[in-house]
Amino acid sequence: MEYDAPMPRAPAIDDVFSAIADPRRRQILEILGVSGAMAVGELVEKLRLPQPAVSKHLAVLRRVGAVVATQRGRSRVYRIDAAELKTVYDWTKTFEAYWTNQLDSIREKAESRAKRDASQRKK
């Protein structure tokens, strides 16, 4: 039996959530967030990836508005566009109460255990 069905296409990345689902693109954003604007060549060195791969990731991030590029001489320099990433922050912020409650619960359990251990040592 011969299989002639076309190969499924990768889903189109048209929003910032889809773009940052890729760990390499998140890594690029982290580098730009810490280091500031950077030329493609510098990102290639930091990531230790081939230039075409880095450029493809940057193109996705640029298409969704997470980064902007400017021409500086013969180099293209990228920087984060925080306005577009704010949508991610706003969405994750809805879960902040959950994280805070979890951390408070962990702290309370640790303090309770420490008190119990201290009282057992006194005996």
PDB file of N, CA and C in Angstrom:
ATOM      1  N   MET A   1       0.849  -1.187   0.000  1.00  0.00           N
ATOM      2  CA  MET A   1       0.000   0.000   0.000  1.00  0.00           C
ATOM      3  C   MET A   1       0.889   1.243   0.000  1.00  0.00           C
ATOM      4  N   GLU A   2       0.638   2.087  -0.931  1.00  0.00           N
ATOM      5  CA  GLU A   2       1.423   3.308  -1.064  1.00  0.00           C
ATOM      6  C   GLU A   2       0.719   4.452  -0.359  1.00  0.00           C
ATOM      7  N   TYR A   3       1.484   5.263   0.306  1.00  0.00           N
ATOM      8  CA  TYR A   3       0.928   6.389   1.056  1.00  0.00           C
ATOM      9  C   TYR A   3       1.203   7.660   0.275  1.00  0.00           C
ATOM     10  N   ASP A   4       0.141   8.303  -0.207  1.00  0.00           N
ATOM     11  CA  ASP A   4       0.299   9.480  -1.049  1.00  0.00           C
ATOM     12  C   ASP A   4      -0.231  10.767  -0.421  1.00  0.00           C
ATOM     13  N   ALA A   5      -0.653  10.707   0.815  1.00  0.00           N
ATOM     14  CA  ALA A   5      -1.233  11.888   1.440  1.00  0.00           C
ATOM     15  C   ALA A   5      -0.166  12.966   1.598  1.00  0.00           C
ATOM     16  N   PRO A   6      -0.552  14.218   1.416  1.00  0.00           N
ATOM     17  CA  PRO A   6       0.429  15.292   1.581  1.00  0.00           C
ATOM     18  C   PRO A   6       0.886  15.391   3.035  1.00  0.00           C
ATOM     19  N   MET A   7       2.079  15.834   3.195  1.00  0.00           N
ATOM     20  CA  MET A   7       2.638  16.001   4.528  1.00  0.00           C
ATOM     21  C   MET A   7       1.907  17.140   5.231  1.00  0.00           C
ATOM     22  N   PRO A   8       1.531  16.952   6.498  1.00  0.00           N
ATOM     23  CA  PRO A   8       0.824  18.031   7.198  1.00  0.00           C
ATOM     24  C   PRO A   8       1.727  19.247   7.348  1.00  0.00           C
ATOM     25  N   ARG A   9       1.137  20.409   7.211  1.00  0.00           N
ATOM     26  CA  ARG A   9       1.887  21.652   7.352  1.00  0.00           C
ATOM     27  C   ARG A   9       2.005  22.020   8.818  1.00  0.00           C
ATOM     28  N   ALA A  10       3.075  22.661   9.141  1.00  0.00           N
ATOM     29  CA  ALA A  10       3.240  23.179  10.498  1.00  0.00           C
ATOM     30  C   ALA A  10       2.208  24.283  10.705  1.00  0.00           C
ATOM     31  N   PRO A  11       1.680  24.386  11.908  1.00  0.00           N
ATOM     32  CA  PRO A  11       0.691  25.432  12.148  1.00  0.00           C
ATOM     33  C   PRO A  11       1.301  26.821  11.971  1.00  0.00           C
ATOM     34  N   ALA A  12       0.500  27.708  11.452  1.00  0.00           N
ATOM     35  CA  ALA A  12       0.969  29.086  11.278  1.00  0.00           C
ATOM     36  C   ALA A  12       1.146  29.728  12.642  1.00  0.00           C
ATOM     37  N   ILE A  13       2.221  30.449  12.790  1.00  0.00           N
ATOM     38  CA  ILE A  13       2.474  31.141  14.052  1.00  0.00           C
ATOM     39  C   ILE A  13       2.072  32.584  13.835  1.00  0.00           C
ATOM     40  N   ASP A  14       0.922  32.929  14.398  1.00  0.00           N
ATOM     41  CA  ASP A  14       0.412  34.275  14.149  1.00  0.00           C
ATOM     42  C   ASP A  14       0.129  35.056  15.420  1.00  0.00           C
ATOM     43  N   ASP A  15       0.495  34.500  16.565  1.00  0.00           N
ATOM     44  CA  ASP A  15       0.341  35.263  17.803  1.00  0.00           C
ATOM     45  C   ASP A  15       1.533  35.020  18.712  1.00  0.00           C
ATOM     46  N   VAL A  16       1.696  35.892  19.664  1.00  0.00           N
ATOM     47  CA  VAL A  16       2.869  35.843  20.528  1.00  0.00           C
ATOM     48  C   VAL A  16       2.901  34.568  21.362  1.00  0.00           C
ATOM     49  N   PHE A  17       1.742  34.036  21.744  1.00  0.00           N
ATOM     50  CA  PHE A  17       1.708  32.807  22.533  1.00  0.00           C
ATOM     51  C   PHE A  17       2.284  31.634  21.742  1.00  0.00           C
ATOM     52  N   SER A  18       1.903  31.525  20.480  1.00  0.00           N
ATOM     53  CA  SER A  18       2.441  30.461  19.624  1.00  0.00           C
ATOM     54  C   SER A  18       3.937  30.648  19.421  1.00  0.00           C
ATOM     55  N   ALA A  19       4.347  31.882  19.231  1.00  0.00           N
ATOM     56  CA  ALA A  19       5.767  32.155  18.978  1.00  0.00           C
ATOM     57  C   ALA A  19       6.631  31.770  20.166  1.00  0.00           C
ATOM     58  N   ILE A  20       6.193  32.082  21.363  1.00  0.00           N
ATOM     59  CA  ILE A  20       7.038  31.796  22.532  1.00  0.00           C
ATOM     60  C   ILE A  20       6.866  30.366  23.043  1.00  0.00           C
ATOM     61  N   ALA A  21       6.039  29.584  22.365  1.00  0.00           N
ATOM     62  CA  ALA A  21       5.924  28.170  22.726  1.00  0.00           C
ATOM     63  C   ALA A  21       7.224  27.427  22.420  1.00  0.00           C
ATOM     64  N   ASP A  22       8.008  27.966  21.507  1.00  0.00           N
ATOM     65  CA  ASP A  22       9.277  27.344  21.139  1.00  0.00           C
ATOM     66  C   ASP A  22      10.368  27.751  22.133  1.00  0.00           C
ATOM     67  N   PRO A  23      11.068  26.779  22.722  1.00  0.00           N
ATOM     68  CA  PRO A  23      12.100  27.104  23.719  1.00  0.00           C
ATOM     69  C   PRO A  23      13.243  27.963  23.172  1.00  0.00           C
ATOM     70  N   ARG A  24      13.618  27.784  21.917  1.00  0.00           N
ATOM     71  CA  ARG A  24      14.688  28.601  21.347  1.00  0.00           C
ATOM     72  C   ARG A  24      14.266  30.061  21.244  1.00  0.00           C
ATOM     73  N   ARG A  25      13.011  30.290  20.885  1.00  0.00           N
ATOM     74  CA  ARG A  25      12.547  31.678  20.786  1.00  0.00           C
ATOM     75  C   ARG A  25      12.458  32.306  22.170  1.00  0.00           C
ATOM     76  N   ARG A  26      12.071  31.532  23.167  1.00  0.00           N
ATOM     77  CA  ARG A  26      12.085  32.074  24.535  1.00  0.00           C
ATOM     78  C   ARG A  26      13.508  32.397  24.957  1.00  0.00           C
ATOM     79  N   GLN A  27      14.454  31.548  24.556  1.00  0.00           N
ATOM     80  CA  GLN A  27      15.857  31.789  24.875  1.00  0.00           C
ATOM     81  C   GLN A  27      16.341  33.085  24.218  1.00  0.00           C
ATOM     82  N   ILE A  28      15.947  33.307  22.988  1.00  0.00           N
ATOM     83  CA  ILE A  28      16.312  34.549  22.298  1.00  0.00           C
ATOM     84  C   ILE A  28      15.749  35.745  23.049  1.00  0.00           C
ATOM     85  N   LEU A  29      14.494  35.660  23.460  1.00  0.00           N
ATOM     86  CA  LEU A  29      13.886  36.767  24.213  1.00  0.00           C
ATOM     87  C   LEU A  29      14.603  36.999  25.530  1.00  0.00           C
ATOM     88  N   GLU A  30      14.994  35.926  26.202  1.00  0.00           N
ATOM     89  CA  GLU A  30      15.729  36.068  27.463  1.00  0.00           C
ATOM     90  C   GLU A  30      17.063  36.775  27.231  1.00  0.00           C
ATOM     91  N   ILE A  31      17.776  36.371  26.193  1.00  0.00           N
ATOM     92  CA  ILE A  31      19.065  36.991  25.897  1.00  0.00           C
ATOM     93  C   ILE A  31      18.877  38.473  25.603  1.00  0.00           C
ATOM     94  N   LEU A  32      17.899  38.789  24.759  1.00  0.00           N
ATOM     95  CA  LEU A  32      17.658  40.194  24.434  1.00  0.00           C
ATOM     96  C   LEU A  32      17.175  40.971  25.653  1.00  0.00           C
ATOM     97  N   GLY A  33      16.417  40.318  26.518  1.00  0.00           N
ATOM     98  CA  GLY A  33      15.932  40.976  27.723  1.00  0.00           C
ATOM     99  C   GLY A  33      17.052  41.320  28.682  1.00  0.00           C
ATOM    100  N   VAL A  34      18.030  40.458  28.780  1.00  0.00           N
ATOM    101  CA  VAL A  34      19.153  40.681  29.691  1.00  0.00           C
ATOM    102  C   VAL A  34      20.207  41.583  29.057  1.00  0.00           C
ATOM    103  N   SER A  35      20.530  41.314  27.799  1.00  0.00           N
ATOM    104  CA  SER A  35      21.644  42.006  27.143  1.00  0.00           C
ATOM    105  C   SER A  35      21.247  43.267  26.389  1.00  0.00           C
ATOM    106  N   GLY A  36      19.981  43.433  26.098  1.00  0.00           N
ATOM    107  CA  GLY A  36      19.558  44.562  25.290  1.00  0.00           C
ATOM    108  C   GLY A  36      19.667  44.242  23.810  1.00  0.00           C
ATOM    109  N   ALA A  37      19.607  45.277  22.989  1.00  0.00           N
ATOM    110  CA  ALA A  37      19.635  45.100  21.535  1.00  0.00           C
ATOM    111  C   ALA A  37      20.900  44.362  21.112  1.00  0.00           C
ATOM    112  N   MET A  38      20.730  43.506  20.095  1.00  0.00           N
ATOM    113  CA  MET A  38      21.836  42.680  19.676  1.00  0.00           C
ATOM    114  C   MET A  38      21.744  42.373  18.188  1.00  0.00           C
ATOM    115  N   ALA A  39      22.889  42.341  17.534  1.00  0.00           N
ATOM    116  CA  ALA A  39      22.956  41.969  16.126  1.00  0.00           C
ATOM    117  C   ALA A  39      22.766  40.463  15.980  1.00  0.00           C
ATOM    118  N   VAL A  40      22.323  40.062  14.815  1.00  0.00           N
ATOM    119  CA  VAL A  40      22.092  38.639  14.554  1.00  0.00           C
ATOM    120  C   VAL A  40      23.363  37.833  14.813  1.00  0.00           C
ATOM    121  N   GLY A  41      24.493  38.333  14.372  1.00  0.00           N
ATOM    122  CA  GLY A  41      25.756  37.617  14.573  1.00  0.00           C
ATOM    123  C   GLY A  41      26.065  37.362  16.040  1.00  0.00           C
ATOM    124  N   GLU A  42      25.758  38.330  16.878  1.00  0.00           N
ATOM    125  CA  GLU A  42      25.984  38.160  18.319  1.00  0.00           C
ATOM    126  C   GLU A  42      25.060  37.082  18.883  1.00  0.00           C
ATOM    127  N   LEU A  43      23.809  37.073  18.419  1.00  0.00           N
ATOM    128  CA  LEU A  43      22.873  36.033  18.866  1.00  0.00           C
ATOM    129  C   LEU A  43      23.328  34.655  18.397  1.00  0.00           C
ATOM    130  N   VAL A  44      23.832  34.575  17.189  1.00  0.00           N
ATOM    131  CA  VAL A  44      24.341  33.303  16.662  1.00  0.00           C
ATOM    132  C   VAL A  44      25.450  32.782  17.567  1.00  0.00           C
ATOM    133  N   GLU A  45      26.365  33.663  17.976  1.00  0.00           N
ATOM    134  CA  GLU A  45      27.462  33.262  18.862  1.00  0.00           C
ATOM    135  C   GLU A  45      26.953  32.797  20.215  1.00  0.00           C
ATOM    136  N   LYS A  46      26.024  33.547  20.785  1.00  0.00           N
ATOM    137  CA  LYS A  46      25.501  33.189  22.109  1.00  0.00           C
ATOM    138  C   LYS A  46      24.719  31.881  22.086  1.00  0.00           C
ATOM    139  N   LEU A  47      23.925  31.686  21.049  1.00  0.00           N
ATOM    140  CA  LEU A  47      23.073  30.495  20.948  1.00  0.00           C
ATOM    141  C   LEU A  47      23.816  29.275  20.407  1.00  0.00           C
ATOM    142  N   ARG A  48      24.930  29.536  19.708  1.00  0.00           N
ATOM    143  CA  ARG A  48      25.687  28.458  19.059  1.00  0.00           C
ATOM    144  C   ARG A  48      24.804  27.668  18.098  1.00  0.00           C
ATOM    145  N   LEU A  49      24.062  28.421  17.316  1.00  0.00           N
ATOM    146  CA  LEU A  49      23.193  27.856  16.285  1.00  0.00           C
ATOM    147  C   LEU A  49      23.608  28.442  14.943  1.00  0.00           C
ATOM    148  N   PRO A  50      23.267  27.763  13.859  1.00  0.00           N
ATOM    149  CA  PRO A  50      23.558  28.341  12.541  1.00  0.00           C
ATOM    150  C   PRO A  50      22.771  29.634  12.331  1.00  0.00           C
ATOM    151  N   GLN A  51      23.368  30.567  11.609  1.00  0.00           N
ATOM    152  CA  GLN A  51      22.728  31.861  11.365  1.00  0.00           C
ATOM    153  C   GLN A  51      21.346  31.727  10.739  1.00  0.00           C
ATOM    154  N   PRO A  52      21.135  30.829   9.756  1.00  0.00           N
ATOM    155  CA  PRO A  52      19.789  30.723   9.178  1.00  0.00           C
ATOM    156  C   PRO A  52      18.725  30.315  10.209  1.00  0.00           C
ATOM    157  N   ALA A  53      19.093  29.450  11.146  1.00  0.00           N
ATOM    158  CA  ALA A  53      18.137  29.028  12.175  1.00  0.00           C
ATOM    159  C   ALA A  53      17.768  30.202  13.082  1.00  0.00           C
ATOM    160  N   VAL A  54      18.773  30.966  13.491  1.00  0.00           N
ATOM    161  CA  VAL A  54      18.523  32.125  14.350  1.00  0.00           C
ATOM    162  C   VAL A  54      17.665  33.138  13.602  1.00  0.00           C
ATOM    163  N   SER A  55      17.971  33.365  12.350  1.00  0.00           N
ATOM    164  CA  SER A  55      17.192  34.320  11.549  1.00  0.00           C
ATOM    165  C   SER A  55      15.743  33.886  11.400  1.00  0.00           C
ATOM    166  N   LYS A  56      15.503  32.589  11.250  1.00  0.00           N
ATOM    167  CA  LYS A  56      14.125  32.097  11.147  1.00  0.00           C
ATOM    168  C   LYS A  56      13.363  32.339  12.447  1.00  0.00           C
ATOM    169  N   HIS A  57      14.006  32.066  13.576  1.00  0.00           N
ATOM    170  CA  HIS A  57      13.357  32.315  14.866  1.00  0.00           C
ATOM    171  C   HIS A  57      13.067  33.805  15.040  1.00  0.00           C
ATOM    172  N   LEU A  58      14.025  34.626  14.665  1.00  0.00           N
ATOM    173  CA  LEU A  58      13.831  36.073  14.780  1.00  0.00           C
ATOM    174  C   LEU A  58      12.708  36.549  13.861  1.00  0.00           C
ATOM    175  N   ALA A  59      12.581  35.947  12.691  1.00  0.00           N
ATOM    176  CA  ALA A  59      11.506  36.327  11.770  1.00  0.00           C
ATOM    177  C   ALA A  59      10.144  36.036  12.382  1.00  0.00           C
ATOM    178  N   VAL A  60      10.025  34.910  13.070  1.00  0.00           N
ATOM    179  CA  VAL A  60       8.760  34.571  13.738  1.00  0.00           C
ATOM    180  C   VAL A  60       8.475  35.590  14.838  1.00  0.00           C
ATOM    181  N   LEU A  61       9.478  35.875  15.647  1.00  0.00           N
ATOM    182  CA  LEU A  61       9.290  36.832  16.742  1.00  0.00           C
ATOM    183  C   LEU A  61       8.958  38.223  16.207  1.00  0.00           C
ATOM    184  N   ARG A  62       9.558  38.586  15.092  1.00  0.00           N
ATOM    185  CA  ARG A  62       9.267  39.887  14.485  1.00  0.00           C
ATOM    186  C   ARG A  62       7.846  39.915  13.911  1.00  0.00           C
ATOM    187  N   ARG A  63       7.431  38.808  13.287  1.00  0.00           N
ATOM    188  CA  ARG A  63       6.094  38.750  12.694  1.00  0.00           C
ATOM    189  C   ARG A  63       4.990  38.941  13.741  1.00  0.00           C
ATOM    190  N   VAL A  64       5.198  38.443  14.951  1.00  0.00           N
ATOM    191  CA  VAL A  64       4.180  38.588  15.993  1.00  0.00           C
ATOM    192  C   VAL A  64       4.388  39.849  16.826  1.00  0.00           C
ATOM    193  N   GLY A  65       5.443  40.602  16.523  1.00  0.00           N
ATOM    194  CA  GLY A  65       5.663  41.871  17.202  1.00  0.00           C
ATOM    195  C   GLY A  65       6.432  41.782  18.502  1.00  0.00           C
ATOM    196  N   ALA A  66       7.034  40.629  18.800  1.00  0.00           N
ATOM    197  CA  ALA A  66       7.777  40.478  20.056  1.00  0.00           C
ATOM    198  C   ALA A  66       9.153  41.135  19.993  1.00  0.00           C
ATOM    199  N   VAL A  67       9.690  41.263  18.784  1.00  0.00           N
ATOM    200  CA  VAL A  67      10.959  41.963  18.595  1.00  0.00           C
ATOM    201  C   VAL A  67      10.823  42.907  17.405  1.00  0.00           C
ATOM    202  N   VAL A  68      11.676  43.912  17.397  1.00  0.00           N
ATOM    203  CA  VAL A  68      11.771  44.813  16.248  1.00  0.00           C
ATOM    204  C   VAL A  68      13.214  44.829  15.783  1.00  0.00           C
ATOM    205  N   ALA A  69      13.381  45.046  14.492  1.00  0.00           N
ATOM    206  CA  ALA A  69      14.720  45.052  13.902  1.00  0.00           C
ATOM    207  C   ALA A  69      15.015  46.420  13.324  1.00  0.00           C
ATOM    208  N   THR A  70      16.250  46.835  13.476  1.00  0.00           N
ATOM    209  CA  THR A  70      16.727  48.061  12.838  1.00  0.00           C
ATOM    210  C   THR A  70      18.026  47.735  12.125  1.00  0.00           C
ATOM    211  N   GLN A  71      18.261  48.434  11.047  1.00  0.00           N
ATOM    212  CA  GLN A  71      19.485  48.238  10.289  1.00  0.00           C
ATOM    213  C   GLN A  71      20.563  49.129  10.876  1.00  0.00           C
ATOM    214  N   ARG A  72      21.693  48.554  11.206  1.00  0.00           N
ATOM    215  CA  ARG A  72      22.832  49.310  11.716  1.00  0.00           C
ATOM    216  C   ARG A  72      24.040  48.920  10.864  1.00  0.00           C
ATOM    217  N   GLY A  73      24.319  49.763   9.873  1.00  0.00           N
ATOM    218  CA  GLY A  73      25.376  49.417   8.925  1.00  0.00           C
ATOM    219  C   GLY A  73      24.937  48.208   8.113  1.00  0.00           C
ATOM    220  N   ARG A  74      25.769  47.185   8.103  1.00  0.00           N
ATOM    221  CA  ARG A  74      25.432  45.958   7.385  1.00  0.00           C
ATOM    222  C   ARG A  74      24.727  44.943   8.268  1.00  0.00           C
ATOM    223  N   SER A  75      24.567  45.254   9.535  1.00  0.00           N
ATOM    224  CA  SER A  75      23.948  44.318  10.485  1.00  0.00           C
ATOM    225  C   SER A  75      22.509  44.692  10.778  1.00  0.00           C
ATOM    226  N   ARG A  76      21.732  43.693  11.055  1.00  0.00           N
ATOM    227  CA  ARG A  76      20.371  43.898  11.523  1.00  0.00           C
ATOM    228  C   ARG A  76      20.394  43.675  13.031  1.00  0.00           C
ATOM    229  N   VAL A  77      19.926  44.664  13.774  1.00  0.00           N
ATOM    230  CA  VAL A  77      19.951  44.614  15.236  1.00  0.00           C
ATOM    231  C   VAL A  77      18.523  44.435  15.740  1.00  0.00           C
ATOM    232  N   TYR A  78      18.368  43.500  16.677  1.00  0.00           N
ATOM    233  CA  TYR A  78      17.051  43.181  17.216  1.00  0.00           C
ATOM    234  C   TYR A  78      16.955  43.612  18.670  1.00  0.00           C
ATOM    235  N   ARG A  79      15.769  44.046  19.034  1.00  0.00           N
ATOM    236  CA  ARG A  79      15.475  44.356  20.441  1.00  0.00           C
ATOM    237  C   ARG A  79      14.046  43.921  20.724  1.00  0.00           C
ATOM    238  N   ILE A  80      13.761  43.731  21.989  1.00  0.00           N
ATOM    239  CA  ILE A  80      12.416  43.318  22.408  1.00  0.00           C
ATOM    240  C   ILE A  80      11.446  44.471  22.252  1.00  0.00           C
ATOM    241  N   ASP A  81      10.228  44.133  21.847  1.00  0.00           N
ATOM    242  CA  ASP A  81       9.127  45.096  21.861  1.00  0.00           C
ATOM    243  C   ASP A  81       8.207  44.656  23.001  1.00  0.00           C
ATOM    244  N   ALA A  82       8.409  45.257  24.141  1.00  0.00           N
ATOM    245  CA  ALA A  82       7.717  44.830  25.355  1.00  0.00           C
ATOM    246  C   ALA A  82       6.202  44.976  25.271  1.00  0.00           C
ATOM    247  N   ALA A  83       5.713  45.868  24.456  1.00  0.00           N
ATOM    248  CA  ALA A  83       4.263  46.077  24.360  1.00  0.00           C
ATOM    249  C   ALA A  83       3.555  44.796  23.938  1.00  0.00           C
ATOM    250  N   GLU A  84       4.118  44.084  22.988  1.00  0.00           N
ATOM    251  CA  GLU A  84       3.483  42.851  22.523  1.00  0.00           C
ATOM    252  C   GLU A  84       3.600  41.743  23.569  1.00  0.00           C
ATOM    253  N   LEU A  85       4.689  41.723  24.301  1.00  0.00           N
ATOM    254  CA  LEU A  85       4.864  40.706  25.340  1.00  0.00           C
ATOM    255  C   LEU A  85       3.975  40.971  26.549  1.00  0.00           C
ATOM    256  N   LYS A  86       3.478  42.175  26.673  1.00  0.00           N
ATOM    257  CA  LYS A  86       2.594  42.498  27.797  1.00  0.00           C
ATOM    258  C   LYS A  86       1.328  41.650  27.771  1.00  0.00           C
ATOM    259  N   THR A  87       0.880  41.254  26.586  1.00  0.00           N
ATOM    260  CA  THR A  87      -0.311  40.391  26.529  1.00  0.00           C
ATOM    261  C   THR A  87      -0.050  39.065  27.231  1.00  0.00           C
ATOM    262  N   VAL A  88       1.166  38.562  27.128  1.00  0.00           N
ATOM    263  CA  VAL A  88       1.528  37.317  27.821  1.00  0.00           C
ATOM    264  C   VAL A  88       1.551  37.561  29.322  1.00  0.00           C
ATOM    265  N   TYR A  89       2.158  38.666  29.727  1.00  0.00           N
ATOM    266  CA  TYR A  89       2.216  39.015  31.143  1.00  0.00           C
ATOM    267  C   TYR A  89       0.814  39.169  31.722  1.00  0.00           C
ATOM    268  N   ASP A  90      -0.041  39.898  31.009  1.00  0.00           N
ATOM    269  CA  ASP A  90      -1.405  40.105  31.501  1.00  0.00           C
ATOM    270  C   ASP A  90      -2.138  38.788  31.667  1.00  0.00           C
ATOM    271  N   TRP A  91      -1.936  37.868  30.735  1.00  0.00           N
ATOM    272  CA  TRP A  91      -2.623  36.576  30.821  1.00  0.00           C
ATOM    273  C   TRP A  91      -2.084  35.764  31.998  1.00  0.00           C
ATOM    274  N   THR A  92      -0.758  35.699  32.142  1.00  0.00           N
ATOM    275  CA  THR A  92      -0.185  34.908  33.239  1.00  0.00           C
ATOM    276  C   THR A  92      -0.479  35.530  34.596  1.00  0.00           C
ATOM    277  N   LYS A  93      -0.672  36.836  34.614  1.00  0.00           N
ATOM    278  CA  LYS A  93      -0.961  37.521  35.876  1.00  0.00           C
ATOM    279  C   LYS A  93      -2.265  37.014  36.500  1.00  0.00           C
ATOM    280  N   THR A  94      -3.180  36.510  35.664  1.00  0.00           N
ATOM    281  CA  THR A  94      -4.445  35.987  36.204  1.00  0.00           C
ATOM    282  C   THR A  94      -4.205  34.796  37.120  1.00  0.00           C
ATOM    283  N   PHE A  95      -3.034  34.175  37.004  1.00  0.00           N
ATOM    284  CA  PHE A  95      -2.714  33.013  37.829  1.00  0.00           C
ATOM    285  C   PHE A  95      -1.850  33.365  39.028  1.00  0.00           C
ATOM    286  N   GLU A  96      -1.545  34.645  39.194  1.00  0.00           N
ATOM    287  CA  GLU A  96      -0.662  35.078  40.269  1.00  0.00           C
ATOM    288  C   GLU A  96      -1.196  34.687  41.647  1.00  0.00           C
ATOM    289  N   ALA A  97      -2.488  34.802  41.832  1.00  0.00           N
ATOM    290  CA  ALA A  97      -3.072  34.440  43.130  1.00  0.00           C
ATOM    291  C   ALA A  97      -2.818  32.963  43.442  1.00  0.00           C
ATOM    292  N   TYR A  98      -2.887  32.130  42.426  1.00  0.00           N
ATOM    293  CA  TYR A  98      -2.630  30.704  42.619  1.00  0.00           C
ATOM    294  C   TYR A  98      -1.196  30.489  43.080  1.00  0.00           C
ATOM    295  N   TRP A  99      -0.239  31.138  42.385  1.00  0.00           N
ATOM    296  CA  TRP A  99       1.166  30.982  42.759  1.00  0.00           C
ATOM    297  C   TRP A  99       1.410  31.513  44.156  1.00  0.00           C
ATOM    298  N   THR A 100       0.842  32.670  44.464  1.00  0.00           N
ATOM    299  CA  THR A 100       1.028  33.273  45.774  1.00  0.00           C
ATOM    300  C   THR A 100       0.474  32.363  46.862  1.00  0.00           C
ATOM    301  N   ASN A 101      -0.726  31.827  46.634  1.00  0.00           N
ATOM    302  CA  ASN A 101      -1.322  30.918  47.616  1.00  0.00           C
ATOM    303  C   ASN A 101      -0.473  29.673  47.800  1.00  0.00           C
ATOM    304  N   GLN A 102       0.056  29.135  46.706  1.00  0.00           N
ATOM    305  CA  GLN A 102       0.903  27.948  46.797  1.00  0.00           C
ATOM    306  C   GLN A 102       2.173  28.250  47.587  1.00  0.00           C
ATOM    307  N   LEU A 103       2.794  29.382  47.333  1.00  0.00           N
ATOM    308  CA  LEU A 103       4.016  29.748  48.048  1.00  0.00           C
ATOM    309  C   LEU A 103       3.732  29.994  49.521  1.00  0.00           C
ATOM    310  N   ASP A 104       2.596  30.647  49.817  1.00  0.00           N
ATOM    311  CA  ASP A 104       2.224  30.871  51.215  1.00  0.00           C
ATOM    312  C   ASP A 104       2.009  29.541  51.928  1.00  0.00           C
ATOM    313  N   SER A 105       1.357  28.608  51.250  1.00  0.00           N
ATOM    314  CA  SER A 105       1.096  27.291  51.832  1.00  0.00           C
ATOM    315  C   SER A 105       2.402  26.549  52.105  1.00  0.00           C
ATOM    316  N   ILE A 106       3.323  26.599  51.171  1.00  0.00           N
ATOM    317  CA  ILE A 106       4.623  25.941  51.348  1.00  0.00           C
ATOM    318  C   ILE A 106       5.371  26.574  52.516  1.00  0.00           C
ATOM    319  N   ARG A 107       5.353  27.915  52.590  1.00  0.00           N
ATOM    320  CA  ARG A 107       6.044  28.611  53.685  1.00  0.00           C
ATOM    321  C   ARG A 107       5.432  28.233  55.029  1.00  0.00           C
ATOM    322  N   GLU A 108       4.101  28.206  55.110  1.00  0.00           N
ATOM    323  CA  GLU A 108       3.432  27.862  56.366  1.00  0.00           C
ATOM    324  C   GLU A 108       3.765  26.436  56.794  1.00  0.00           C
ATOM    325  N   LYS A 109       3.779  25.507  55.856  1.00  0.00           N
ATOM    326  CA  LYS A 109       4.114  24.114  56.184  1.00  0.00           C
ATOM    327  C   LYS A 109       5.559  24.004  56.653  1.00  0.00           C
ATOM    328  N   ALA A 110       6.467  24.721  55.991  1.00  0.00           N
ATOM    329  CA  ALA A 110       7.880  24.682  56.382  1.00  0.00           C
ATOM    330  C   ALA A 110       8.078  25.277  57.769  1.00  0.00           C
ATOM    331  N   GLU A 111       7.401  26.384  58.061  1.00  0.00           N
ATOM    332  CA  GLU A 111       7.522  27.008  59.379  1.00  0.00           C
ATOM    333  C   GLU A 111       6.932  26.099  60.455  1.00  0.00           C
ATOM    334  N   SER A 112       5.814  25.475  60.177  1.00  0.00           N
ATOM    335  CA  SER A 112       5.182  24.565  61.116  1.00  0.00           C
ATOM    336  C   SER A 112       6.095  23.375  61.400  1.00  0.00           C
ATOM    337  N   ARG A 113       6.696  22.844  60.364  1.00  0.00           N
ATOM    338  CA  ARG A 113       7.598  21.701  60.530  1.00  0.00           C
ATOM    339  C   ARG A 113       8.838  22.102  61.323  1.00  0.00           C
ATOM    340  N   ALA A 114       9.360  23.297  61.043  1.00  0.00           N
ATOM    341  CA  ALA A 114      10.540  23.768  61.769  1.00  0.00           C
ATOM    342  C   ALA A 114      10.229  23.922  63.258  1.00  0.00           C
ATOM    343  N   LYS A 115       9.045  24.458  63.584  1.00  0.00           N
ATOM    344  CA  LYS A 115       8.648  24.611  64.991  1.00  0.00           C
ATOM    345  C   LYS A 115       8.517  23.245  65.658  1.00  0.00           C
ATOM    346  N   ARG A 116       7.892  22.286  64.946  1.00  0.00           N
ATOM    347  CA  ARG A 116       7.705  20.948  65.488  1.00  0.00           C
ATOM    348  C   ARG A 116       9.056  20.284  65.729  1.00  0.00           C
ATOM    349  N   ASP A 117       9.968  20.420  64.768  1.00  0.00           N
ATOM    350  CA  ASP A 117      11.300  19.823  64.911  1.00  0.00           C
ATOM    351  C   ASP A 117      12.060  20.462  66.068  1.00  0.00           C
ATOM    352  N   ALA A 118      11.922  21.779  66.211  1.00  0.00           N
ATOM    353  CA  ALA A 118      12.609  22.478  67.302  1.00  0.00           C
ATOM    354  C   ALA A 118      12.065  22.027  68.657  1.00  0.00           C
ATOM    355  N   SER A 119      10.751  21.847  68.763  1.00  0.00           N
ATOM    356  CA  SER A 119      10.170  21.423  70.042  1.00  0.00           C
ATOM    357  C   SER A 119      10.551  19.985  70.358  1.00  0.00           C
ATOM    358  N   GLN A 120      10.725  19.150  69.359  1.00  0.00           N
ATOM    359  CA  GLN A 120      11.136  17.758  69.599  1.00  0.00           C
ATOM    360  C   GLN A 120      12.594  17.697  70.035  1.00  0.00           C
ATOM    361  N   ARG A 121      13.421  18.599  69.570  1.00  0.00           N
ATOM    362  CA  ARG A 121      14.817  18.637  69.963  1.00  0.00           C
ATOM    363  C   ARG A 121      14.967  19.055  71.418  1.00  0.00           C
ATOM    364  N   LYS A 122      14.038  19.870  71.904  1.00  0.00           N
ATOM    365  CA  LYS A 122      14.101  20.351  73.292  1.00  0.00           C
ATOM    366  C   LYS A 122      13.787  19.223  74.261  1.00  0.00           C
ATOM    367  N   LYS A 123      13.063  18.226  73.826  1.00  0.00           N
ATOM    368  CA  LYS A 123      12.646  17.133  74.722  1.00  0.00           C
ATOM    369  C   LYS A 123      13.772  16.224  75.065  1.00  0.00           C
TER     370      LYS A 123
END
